[in-house]
Every structure is written in structure tokens, then in C-alpha cells.
Amino acid sequence: MTLDDLGSRICVLGPSNSGKSTLAVAIAAARGLEAIHLDQLHHLPHTDWVPRPADDFAALHDMAILGDSWVIEGNYTRLLPQRLARATGVLLLDVPTSVSLYRYVRRCWFERQRHGALAGGRDSVKWAMLHHILFATRANRVRYRRIFDDVALPKVLLVSTRAITDFYRKNDLRR
């Protein structure tokens, strides 16, 4: 299955630091879609990842998915049903936990700018995020895979960094 098979409203799911934001931006640039980063809608800008009130986030989310063409990245499974109801395709990135952990530390220590970052914010290594990646990710992987398996839309599963790289190449995407 290629990117063209996924249509003009694409959901990108996967564990933290799996490459969702970077892939969403690459798809948006290649296909002329709007890239929507759910972390930016969920958290207040110019903060250290302070969440918005749940109703405010839900309103921003629901407004964002009304568009005719977008690629939206992030999980927030509470709001996933309405996102999937509008989507035309789904991508699931399921890289190993070690990759997610490495990417998290790398982005916090070495990357000054990154796709999906909060406006005015700077990433720093936090115990809560390390714990999330190391322990919560396992249960989330099972949940994301179950959701993915149940989706009746065109879909692509990418289970390694090599598979992601091949997807970029096959679809003429640039990082």
C-alpha cells in the first residue's frame, strides 16, 4: 500500500518518539495537506508541557478534523473515534521501545528545533517521560495494534526504522 492509497485525511499513530511528527510533516509537504500535531493542541504554548483543559483540547481537535485535507499525528485515544470517522487512511508506527527512548533523549539534548514541538517550549529529559516510554508504551502498543487491526480504512503498519525509511523512499518523502 502506498501513500496515495491513504487519501487526503491521514491519521498517524504510534508510541511517543516513534517519528510521527516528522512523518506527518513530510507527508503534508509532499501532498499539500495541513500537518496537525495533537501535542500542540493538547498543551499550552510557552509552557513546559502544561495540558489545556480537556474541553478546550476536544474543541480544538474537533475543529481541526473538519478540514477537507490533513495529516494528523498523535494518539489521544479518547478522541480517536471522531478522528477515525473523518479519516481516509491510517499509518501506525510501531518502532521498538529502545528506538523511542533513544529519540527522546536525542531530541531533548541535541535538537533545538523539531516538528511537533510546543511554541516557545524546550524539551528536557523528564523522569515521567522516561517512565512512560519504558513502561506504559508496552500496554499502549497492544492497544494501538488492536485499534489498527479493527480499522476498516486503508492502512499501513511500519514496525521498524528500516520500514519507515523504506516508506519515505517508496513515496518520495523528505525528512
N, C-alpha and C. Protein backbone atom coordinates (compact mmCIF):
# COMPACT_ATOMS: atom_id res chain seq x y z
N MET A 1 0.85 -1.18 0.00
CA MET A 1 0.00 0.00 0.00
C MET A 1 0.90 1.25 0.00
N THR A 2 0.52 2.24 -0.78
CA THR A 2 1.31 3.47 -0.86
C THR A 2 0.57 4.61 -0.19
N LEU A 3 1.23 5.72 -0.09
CA LEU A 3 0.65 6.92 0.50
C LEU A 3 -0.59 7.35 -0.26
N ASP A 4 -0.58 7.22 -1.57
CA ASP A 4 -1.74 7.62 -2.37
C ASP A 4 -2.99 6.84 -1.98
N ASP A 5 -2.83 5.62 -1.53
CA ASP A 5 -3.96 4.79 -1.12
C ASP A 5 -4.62 5.28 0.16
N LEU A 6 -3.91 6.12 0.92
CA LEU A 6 -4.42 6.56 2.22
C LEU A 6 -5.33 7.79 2.14
N GLY A 7 -5.42 8.41 0.98
CA GLY A 7 -6.35 9.52 0.80
C GLY A 7 -5.83 10.85 1.31
N SER A 8 -6.76 11.75 1.58
CA SER A 8 -6.41 13.13 1.91
C SER A 8 -6.62 13.50 3.38
N ARG A 9 -7.01 12.54 4.20
CA ARG A 9 -7.15 12.77 5.65
C ARG A 9 -6.53 11.55 6.35
N ILE A 10 -5.29 11.73 6.78
CA ILE A 10 -4.49 10.61 7.27
C ILE A 10 -4.18 10.77 8.75
N CYS A 11 -4.42 9.71 9.52
CA CYS A 11 -4.06 9.66 10.94
C CYS A 11 -2.74 8.90 11.06
N VAL A 12 -1.80 9.49 11.79
CA VAL A 12 -0.53 8.83 12.09
C VAL A 12 -0.52 8.54 13.59
N LEU A 13 -0.47 7.26 13.92
CA LEU A 13 -0.49 6.80 15.32
C LEU A 13 0.83 6.13 15.65
N GLY A 14 1.09 5.98 16.95
CA GLY A 14 2.26 5.24 17.39
C GLY A 14 2.77 5.73 18.72
N PRO A 15 3.71 5.01 19.30
CA PRO A 15 4.25 5.38 20.60
C PRO A 15 4.98 6.73 20.56
N SER A 16 5.17 7.30 21.72
CA SER A 16 5.95 8.53 21.84
C SER A 16 7.31 8.35 21.20
N ASN A 17 7.74 9.38 20.47
CA ASN A 17 9.08 9.41 19.87
C ASN A 17 9.30 8.32 18.82
N SER A 18 8.25 7.95 18.14
CA SER A 18 8.39 6.95 17.08
C SER A 18 8.60 7.57 15.71
N GLY A 19 8.47 8.89 15.60
CA GLY A 19 8.66 9.58 14.32
C GLY A 19 7.38 10.09 13.70
N LYS A 20 6.30 10.15 14.47
CA LYS A 20 5.00 10.57 13.95
C LYS A 20 5.04 11.99 13.39
N SER A 21 5.59 12.92 14.16
CA SER A 21 5.60 14.33 13.75
C SER A 21 6.40 14.53 12.48
N THR A 22 7.57 13.95 12.41
CA THR A 22 8.43 14.09 11.24
C THR A 22 7.75 13.51 10.01
N LEU A 23 7.14 12.35 10.15
CA LEU A 23 6.44 11.73 9.03
C LEU A 23 5.24 12.58 8.61
N ALA A 24 4.49 13.10 9.55
CA ALA A 24 3.33 13.93 9.22
C ALA A 24 3.74 15.16 8.42
N VAL A 25 4.82 15.80 8.81
CA VAL A 25 5.30 16.98 8.10
C VAL A 25 5.76 16.60 6.69
N ALA A 26 6.44 15.47 6.56
CA ALA A 26 6.90 15.02 5.25
C ALA A 26 5.71 14.73 4.33
N ILE A 27 4.70 14.07 4.86
CA ILE A 27 3.50 13.78 4.07
C ILE A 27 2.79 15.07 3.68
N ALA A 28 2.65 15.97 4.64
CA ALA A 28 1.98 17.25 4.37
C ALA A 28 2.69 18.00 3.25
N ALA A 29 4.00 18.06 3.32
CA ALA A 29 4.77 18.79 2.30
C ALA A 29 4.63 18.13 0.93
N ALA A 30 4.66 16.83 0.89
CA ALA A 30 4.61 16.11 -0.39
C ALA A 30 3.22 16.12 -1.02
N ARG A 31 2.19 16.15 -0.20
CA ARG A 31 0.81 16.03 -0.72
C ARG A 31 -0.02 17.30 -0.58
N GLY A 32 0.56 18.37 -0.06
CA GLY A 32 -0.18 19.62 0.09
C GLY A 32 -1.28 19.55 1.13
N LEU A 33 -1.04 18.78 2.19
CA LEU A 33 -2.00 18.64 3.28
C LEU A 33 -1.58 19.52 4.45
N GLU A 34 -2.52 19.81 5.32
CA GLU A 34 -2.19 20.51 6.56
C GLU A 34 -1.66 19.48 7.56
N ALA A 35 -0.53 19.79 8.20
CA ALA A 35 0.01 18.92 9.26
C ALA A 35 -0.53 19.41 10.60
N ILE A 36 -1.17 18.51 11.33
CA ILE A 36 -1.74 18.84 12.64
C ILE A 36 -1.06 17.98 13.68
N HIS A 37 -0.49 18.63 14.69
CA HIS A 37 0.22 17.94 15.77
C HIS A 37 -0.65 18.00 17.03
N LEU A 38 -1.17 16.87 17.44
CA LEU A 38 -2.09 16.86 18.58
C LEU A 38 -1.44 17.34 19.88
N ASP A 39 -0.14 17.09 20.05
CA ASP A 39 0.52 17.60 21.26
C ASP A 39 0.42 19.12 21.33
N GLN A 40 0.48 19.79 20.19
CA GLN A 40 0.38 21.25 20.18
C GLN A 40 -1.03 21.72 20.52
N LEU A 41 -2.03 20.92 20.19
CA LEU A 41 -3.39 21.27 20.56
C LEU A 41 -3.68 20.93 22.01
N HIS A 42 -3.07 19.85 22.49
CA HIS A 42 -3.33 19.38 23.85
C HIS A 42 -2.63 20.21 24.92
N HIS A 43 -1.47 20.76 24.59
CA HIS A 43 -0.67 21.50 25.58
C HIS A 43 -0.67 23.00 25.28
N LEU A 44 -0.55 23.77 26.32
CA LEU A 44 -0.48 25.22 26.17
C LEU A 44 0.89 25.64 25.65
N PRO A 45 0.93 26.55 24.67
CA PRO A 45 2.23 27.01 24.17
C PRO A 45 2.97 27.79 25.25
N HIS A 46 4.27 27.89 25.08
CA HIS A 46 5.14 28.66 26.00
C HIS A 46 5.06 28.12 27.43
N THR A 47 4.88 26.79 27.55
CA THR A 47 4.88 26.14 28.87
C THR A 47 5.78 24.91 28.78
N ASP A 48 5.97 24.28 29.91
CA ASP A 48 6.73 23.03 29.96
C ASP A 48 5.73 21.86 29.91
N TRP A 49 5.00 21.78 28.79
CA TRP A 49 4.03 20.72 28.51
C TRP A 49 2.86 20.72 29.49
N VAL A 50 2.30 21.90 29.75
CA VAL A 50 1.12 22.01 30.61
C VAL A 50 -0.12 21.76 29.74
N PRO A 51 -0.95 20.78 30.11
CA PRO A 51 -2.12 20.47 29.30
C PRO A 51 -3.19 21.57 29.37
N ARG A 52 -3.92 21.71 28.28
CA ARG A 52 -5.09 22.58 28.27
C ARG A 52 -6.22 21.88 29.03
N PRO A 53 -7.24 22.61 29.41
CA PRO A 53 -8.43 21.93 29.93
C PRO A 53 -8.97 20.96 28.87
N ALA A 54 -9.47 19.81 29.32
CA ALA A 54 -9.90 18.74 28.41
C ALA A 54 -10.92 19.22 27.39
N ASP A 55 -11.88 20.04 27.80
CA ASP A 55 -12.90 20.53 26.87
C ASP A 55 -12.31 21.43 25.81
N ASP A 56 -11.32 22.24 26.18
CA ASP A 56 -10.66 23.12 25.21
C ASP A 56 -9.90 22.30 24.17
N PHE A 57 -9.19 21.27 24.64
CA PHE A 57 -8.47 20.40 23.73
C PHE A 57 -9.44 19.70 22.78
N ALA A 58 -10.52 19.16 23.31
CA ALA A 58 -11.50 18.46 22.48
C ALA A 58 -12.08 19.40 21.42
N ALA A 59 -12.35 20.65 21.78
CA ALA A 59 -12.89 21.61 20.81
C ALA A 59 -11.87 21.91 19.71
N LEU A 60 -10.60 22.09 20.08
CA LEU A 60 -9.56 22.33 19.08
C LEU A 60 -9.39 21.12 18.17
N HIS A 61 -9.40 19.94 18.75
CA HIS A 61 -9.30 18.69 17.99
C HIS A 61 -10.44 18.58 16.99
N ASP A 62 -11.66 18.77 17.47
CA ASP A 62 -12.82 18.59 16.61
C ASP A 62 -12.86 19.64 15.50
N MET A 63 -12.39 20.84 15.76
CA MET A 63 -12.29 21.86 14.70
C MET A 63 -11.25 21.45 13.66
N ALA A 64 -10.13 20.94 14.12
CA ALA A 64 -9.03 20.57 13.22
C ALA A 64 -9.45 19.48 12.24
N ILE A 65 -10.23 18.52 12.67
CA ILE A 65 -10.58 17.39 11.80
C ILE A 65 -11.72 17.72 10.82
N LEU A 66 -12.28 18.92 10.91
CA LEU A 66 -13.33 19.31 9.98
C LEU A 66 -12.80 19.62 8.58
N GLY A 67 -11.51 19.87 8.48
CA GLY A 67 -10.92 20.22 7.19
C GLY A 67 -11.05 19.09 6.17
N ASP A 68 -10.92 19.48 4.89
CA ASP A 68 -11.03 18.50 3.81
C ASP A 68 -9.77 17.68 3.62
N SER A 69 -8.62 18.24 4.02
CA SER A 69 -7.36 17.50 3.81
C SER A 69 -6.39 17.82 4.93
N TRP A 70 -5.88 16.76 5.55
CA TRP A 70 -4.94 16.91 6.65
C TRP A 70 -4.20 15.60 6.90
N VAL A 71 -3.09 15.75 7.59
CA VAL A 71 -2.41 14.60 8.18
C VAL A 71 -2.24 14.97 9.64
N ILE A 72 -2.80 14.16 10.50
CA ILE A 72 -2.83 14.47 11.93
C ILE A 72 -2.05 13.39 12.67
N GLU A 73 -1.15 13.84 13.54
CA GLU A 73 -0.33 12.86 14.26
C GLU A 73 -0.54 13.00 15.75
N GLY A 74 -0.57 11.86 16.38
CA GLY A 74 -0.77 11.80 17.83
C GLY A 74 -1.81 10.75 18.14
N ASN A 75 -1.91 10.39 19.38
CA ASN A 75 -2.79 9.31 19.78
C ASN A 75 -4.06 9.84 20.45
N TYR A 76 -3.96 10.24 21.71
CA TYR A 76 -5.13 10.76 22.43
C TYR A 76 -6.37 9.94 22.08
N THR A 77 -6.34 8.69 22.50
CA THR A 77 -7.33 7.72 22.06
C THR A 77 -8.76 8.07 22.50
N ARG A 78 -8.89 8.93 23.48
CA ARG A 78 -10.24 9.36 23.89
C ARG A 78 -10.96 10.05 22.73
N LEU A 79 -10.20 10.74 21.90
CA LEU A 79 -10.78 11.47 20.77
C LEU A 79 -10.60 10.74 19.43
N LEU A 80 -10.02 9.58 19.47
CA LEU A 80 -9.74 8.84 18.24
C LEU A 80 -10.99 8.46 17.45
N PRO A 81 -12.11 8.08 18.08
CA PRO A 81 -13.28 7.70 17.27
C PRO A 81 -13.73 8.78 16.29
N GLN A 82 -13.80 10.04 16.73
CA GLN A 82 -14.23 11.07 15.79
C GLN A 82 -13.17 11.36 14.74
N ARG A 83 -11.89 11.19 15.09
CA ARG A 83 -10.81 11.36 14.12
C ARG A 83 -10.90 10.28 13.04
N LEU A 84 -11.07 9.04 13.46
CA LEU A 84 -11.16 7.94 12.51
C LEU A 84 -12.43 8.03 11.65
N ALA A 85 -13.49 8.59 12.18
CA ALA A 85 -14.72 8.75 11.41
C ALA A 85 -14.50 9.69 10.22
N ARG A 86 -13.57 10.62 10.32
CA ARG A 86 -13.26 11.56 9.24
C ARG A 86 -12.07 11.12 8.39
N ALA A 87 -11.27 10.24 8.91
CA ALA A 87 -10.03 9.85 8.22
C ALA A 87 -10.31 9.03 6.98
N THR A 88 -9.35 9.11 6.05
CA THR A 88 -9.41 8.27 4.85
C THR A 88 -8.32 7.20 4.86
N GLY A 89 -7.39 7.29 5.84
CA GLY A 89 -6.32 6.32 5.94
C GLY A 89 -5.59 6.44 7.26
N VAL A 90 -4.88 5.38 7.63
CA VAL A 90 -4.18 5.32 8.92
C VAL A 90 -2.78 4.75 8.72
N LEU A 91 -1.82 5.37 9.39
CA LEU A 91 -0.45 4.85 9.47
C LEU A 91 -0.16 4.56 10.94
N LEU A 92 0.39 3.40 11.23
CA LEU A 92 0.82 3.07 12.59
C LEU A 92 2.32 2.83 12.57
N LEU A 93 3.05 3.64 13.35
CA LEU A 93 4.47 3.44 13.55
C LEU A 93 4.62 2.64 14.84
N ASP A 94 5.34 1.54 14.77
CA ASP A 94 5.48 0.67 15.94
C ASP A 94 6.95 0.30 16.13
N VAL A 95 7.78 1.33 16.28
CA VAL A 95 9.22 1.08 16.45
C VAL A 95 9.48 0.52 17.84
N PRO A 96 10.61 -0.17 18.02
CA PRO A 96 10.94 -0.73 19.33
C PRO A 96 11.09 0.37 20.40
N THR A 97 10.85 -0.01 21.64
CA THR A 97 10.97 0.92 22.77
C THR A 97 12.36 1.53 22.83
N SER A 98 13.39 0.77 22.52
CA SER A 98 14.76 1.31 22.56
C SER A 98 14.93 2.46 21.58
N VAL A 99 14.28 2.40 20.45
CA VAL A 99 14.34 3.50 19.46
C VAL A 99 13.64 4.73 20.02
N SER A 100 12.46 4.55 20.60
CA SER A 100 11.73 5.67 21.18
C SER A 100 12.53 6.34 22.30
N LEU A 101 13.15 5.53 23.13
CA LEU A 101 13.95 6.06 24.23
C LEU A 101 15.15 6.86 23.70
N TYR A 102 15.86 6.29 22.75
CA TYR A 102 17.00 6.98 22.14
C TYR A 102 16.56 8.30 21.51
N ARG A 103 15.47 8.29 20.75
CA ARG A 103 14.99 9.52 20.09
C ARG A 103 14.58 10.57 21.11
N TYR A 104 13.97 10.16 22.20
CA TYR A 104 13.56 11.12 23.23
C TYR A 104 14.78 11.83 23.81
N VAL A 105 15.76 11.06 24.22
CA VAL A 105 16.96 11.67 24.81
C VAL A 105 17.68 12.54 23.78
N ARG A 106 17.80 12.06 22.56
CA ARG A 106 18.47 12.83 21.50
C ARG A 106 17.77 14.16 21.27
N ARG A 107 16.44 14.14 21.18
CA ARG A 107 15.73 15.39 20.90
C ARG A 107 15.86 16.37 22.06
N CYS A 108 15.86 15.86 23.27
CA CYS A 108 15.98 16.75 24.43
C CYS A 108 17.37 17.36 24.56
N TRP A 109 18.38 16.59 24.26
CA TRP A 109 19.74 17.06 24.46
C TRP A 109 20.36 17.75 23.25
N PHE A 110 19.94 17.35 22.04
CA PHE A 110 20.66 17.81 20.85
C PHE A 110 19.83 18.57 19.82
N GLU A 111 18.53 18.43 19.83
CA GLU A 111 17.72 19.09 18.80
C GLU A 111 17.11 20.37 19.35
N ARG A 112 17.44 21.47 18.72
CA ARG A 112 16.91 22.77 19.15
C ARG A 112 15.54 23.03 18.56
N GLN A 113 15.31 22.52 17.36
CA GLN A 113 14.02 22.67 16.70
C GLN A 113 13.58 21.30 16.20
N ARG A 114 12.31 21.02 16.36
CA ARG A 114 11.80 19.75 15.87
C ARG A 114 10.34 19.91 15.52
N HIS A 115 9.89 19.08 14.61
CA HIS A 115 8.48 19.08 14.23
C HIS A 115 7.64 18.64 15.41
N GLY A 116 6.53 19.33 15.62
CA GLY A 116 5.61 18.96 16.68
C GLY A 116 5.93 19.55 18.04
N ALA A 117 7.00 20.33 18.13
CA ALA A 117 7.37 20.93 19.42
C ALA A 117 6.37 22.03 19.79
N LEU A 118 6.33 22.35 21.05
CA LEU A 118 5.47 23.43 21.51
C LEU A 118 6.11 24.78 21.19
N ALA A 119 5.31 25.71 20.76
CA ALA A 119 5.81 27.07 20.53
C ALA A 119 6.34 27.63 21.85
N GLY A 120 7.57 28.12 21.80
CA GLY A 120 8.16 28.72 22.99
C GLY A 120 8.61 27.73 24.04
N GLY A 121 8.52 26.46 23.76
CA GLY A 121 8.93 25.44 24.74
C GLY A 121 10.25 24.82 24.36
N ARG A 122 10.85 24.14 25.31
CA ARG A 122 12.08 23.41 25.05
C ARG A 122 11.98 22.08 25.76
N ASP A 123 12.29 21.03 25.04
CA ASP A 123 12.21 19.69 25.62
C ASP A 123 13.36 19.47 26.59
N SER A 124 13.07 18.82 27.69
CA SER A 124 14.11 18.41 28.64
C SER A 124 13.77 17.00 29.10
N VAL A 125 14.81 16.25 29.44
CA VAL A 125 14.61 14.88 29.89
C VAL A 125 13.88 14.90 31.23
N LYS A 126 12.77 14.18 31.28
CA LYS A 126 11.95 14.13 32.49
C LYS A 126 11.74 12.67 32.89
N TRP A 127 11.82 12.43 34.18
CA TRP A 127 11.61 11.08 34.67
C TRP A 127 10.25 10.54 34.25
N ALA A 128 9.21 11.36 34.31
CA ALA A 128 7.87 10.89 33.97
C ALA A 128 7.82 10.40 32.52
N MET A 129 8.51 11.09 31.62
CA MET A 129 8.50 10.68 30.21
C MET A 129 9.34 9.42 30.02
N LEU A 130 10.48 9.33 30.68
CA LEU A 130 11.29 8.11 30.61
C LEU A 130 10.47 6.91 31.10
N HIS A 131 9.78 7.10 32.20
CA HIS A 131 8.94 6.04 32.76
C HIS A 131 7.84 5.67 31.77
N HIS A 132 7.23 6.67 31.17
CA HIS A 132 6.17 6.42 30.18
C HIS A 132 6.70 5.58 29.02
N ILE A 133 7.84 5.98 28.47
CA ILE A 133 8.41 5.26 27.34
C ILE A 133 8.78 3.82 27.73
N LEU A 134 9.38 3.67 28.90
CA LEU A 134 9.86 2.35 29.31
C LEU A 134 8.76 1.39 29.76
N PHE A 135 7.71 1.94 30.38
CA PHE A 135 6.72 1.04 30.98
C PHE A 135 5.32 1.15 30.39
N ALA A 136 4.82 2.34 30.14
CA ALA A 136 3.45 2.48 29.61
C ALA A 136 3.38 2.12 28.13
N THR A 137 4.49 2.29 27.43
CA THR A 137 4.49 2.05 25.99
C THR A 137 4.09 0.63 25.64
N ARG A 138 4.48 -0.35 26.43
CA ARG A 138 4.15 -1.75 26.13
C ARG A 138 2.64 -1.96 26.04
N ALA A 139 1.89 -1.46 27.04
CA ALA A 139 0.43 -1.59 27.01
C ALA A 139 -0.16 -0.76 25.87
N ASN A 140 0.40 0.41 25.63
CA ASN A 140 -0.09 1.26 24.53
C ASN A 140 0.10 0.58 23.19
N ARG A 141 1.24 -0.09 23.00
CA ARG A 141 1.48 -0.80 21.74
C ARG A 141 0.38 -1.81 21.45
N VAL A 142 0.01 -2.55 22.45
CA VAL A 142 -1.04 -3.56 22.29
C VAL A 142 -2.35 -2.86 21.92
N ARG A 143 -2.65 -1.77 22.62
CA ARG A 143 -3.89 -1.03 22.34
C ARG A 143 -3.88 -0.45 20.93
N TYR A 144 -2.76 0.19 20.52
CA TYR A 144 -2.68 0.78 19.18
C TYR A 144 -2.81 -0.30 18.11
N ARG A 145 -2.20 -1.45 18.32
CA ARG A 145 -2.27 -2.53 17.34
C ARG A 145 -3.70 -3.05 17.22
N ARG A 146 -4.38 -3.16 18.35
CA ARG A 146 -5.77 -3.63 18.33
C ARG A 146 -6.65 -2.63 17.58
N ILE A 147 -6.47 -1.34 17.87
CA ILE A 147 -7.21 -0.30 17.15
C ILE A 147 -6.92 -0.38 15.66
N PHE A 148 -5.63 -0.48 15.32
CA PHE A 148 -5.21 -0.55 13.93
C PHE A 148 -5.84 -1.76 13.23
N ASP A 149 -5.80 -2.90 13.88
CA ASP A 149 -6.37 -4.12 13.28
C ASP A 149 -7.87 -3.99 13.04
N ASP A 150 -8.57 -3.23 13.90
CA ASP A 150 -10.02 -3.08 13.78
C ASP A 150 -10.45 -2.01 12.79
N VAL A 151 -9.54 -1.13 12.39
CA VAL A 151 -9.88 -0.04 11.48
C VAL A 151 -10.18 -0.59 10.10
N ALA A 152 -11.30 -0.14 9.53
CA ALA A 152 -11.71 -0.60 8.21
C ALA A 152 -11.37 0.45 7.14
N LEU A 153 -10.22 1.08 7.28
CA LEU A 153 -9.73 2.07 6.33
C LEU A 153 -8.45 1.55 5.69
N PRO A 154 -8.04 2.13 4.57
CA PRO A 154 -6.70 1.80 4.06
C PRO A 154 -5.68 2.12 5.15
N LYS A 155 -4.71 1.23 5.34
CA LYS A 155 -3.78 1.42 6.45
C LYS A 155 -2.42 0.83 6.13
N VAL A 156 -1.42 1.38 6.83
CA VAL A 156 -0.04 0.93 6.67
C VAL A 156 0.56 0.77 8.05
N LEU A 157 1.20 -0.36 8.29
CA LEU A 157 1.90 -0.65 9.54
C LEU A 157 3.40 -0.62 9.27
N LEU A 158 4.12 0.20 10.03
CA LEU A 158 5.58 0.31 9.90
C LEU A 158 6.19 -0.08 11.24
N VAL A 159 6.90 -1.23 11.27
CA VAL A 159 7.32 -1.82 12.54
C VAL A 159 8.82 -1.69 12.84
N SER A 160 9.52 -0.90 12.06
CA SER A 160 10.95 -0.72 12.31
C SER A 160 11.41 0.59 11.68
N THR A 161 12.58 1.04 12.09
CA THR A 161 13.12 2.24 11.45
C THR A 161 13.41 1.98 9.99
N ARG A 162 13.80 0.78 9.65
CA ARG A 162 14.03 0.44 8.24
C ARG A 162 12.74 0.51 7.43
N ALA A 163 11.65 0.01 8.00
CA ALA A 163 10.35 0.07 7.31
C ALA A 163 9.91 1.52 7.11
N ILE A 164 10.18 2.36 8.09
CA ILE A 164 9.84 3.78 7.97
C ILE A 164 10.68 4.42 6.87
N THR A 165 11.98 4.14 6.87
CA THR A 165 12.87 4.67 5.84
C THR A 165 12.43 4.21 4.45
N ASP A 166 12.05 2.95 4.33
CA ASP A 166 11.57 2.43 3.05
C ASP A 166 10.28 3.13 2.61
N PHE A 167 9.41 3.42 3.57
CA PHE A 167 8.16 4.13 3.26
C PHE A 167 8.46 5.53 2.74
N TYR A 168 9.40 6.22 3.38
CA TYR A 168 9.82 7.54 2.89
C TYR A 168 10.30 7.43 1.45
N ARG A 169 11.18 6.50 1.20
CA ARG A 169 11.77 6.34 -0.13
C ARG A 169 10.71 5.96 -1.17
N LYS A 170 9.89 5.00 -0.86
CA LYS A 170 8.88 4.50 -1.80
C LYS A 170 7.89 5.59 -2.18
N ASN A 171 7.65 6.54 -1.27
CA ASN A 171 6.64 7.59 -1.50
C ASN A 171 7.27 8.96 -1.78
N ASP A 172 8.57 8.98 -2.05
CA ASP A 172 9.28 10.23 -2.37
C ASP A 172 9.08 11.30 -1.30
N LEU A 173 9.21 10.90 -0.04
CA LEU A 173 9.08 11.84 1.09
C LEU A 173 10.46 12.28 1.53
N ARG A 174 10.52 13.52 2.03
CA ARG A 174 11.79 14.06 2.55
C ARG A 174 11.64 14.40 4.02
N ARG A 175 12.66 14.05 4.79
CA ARG A 175 12.65 14.37 6.24
C ARG A 175 13.05 15.80 6.46
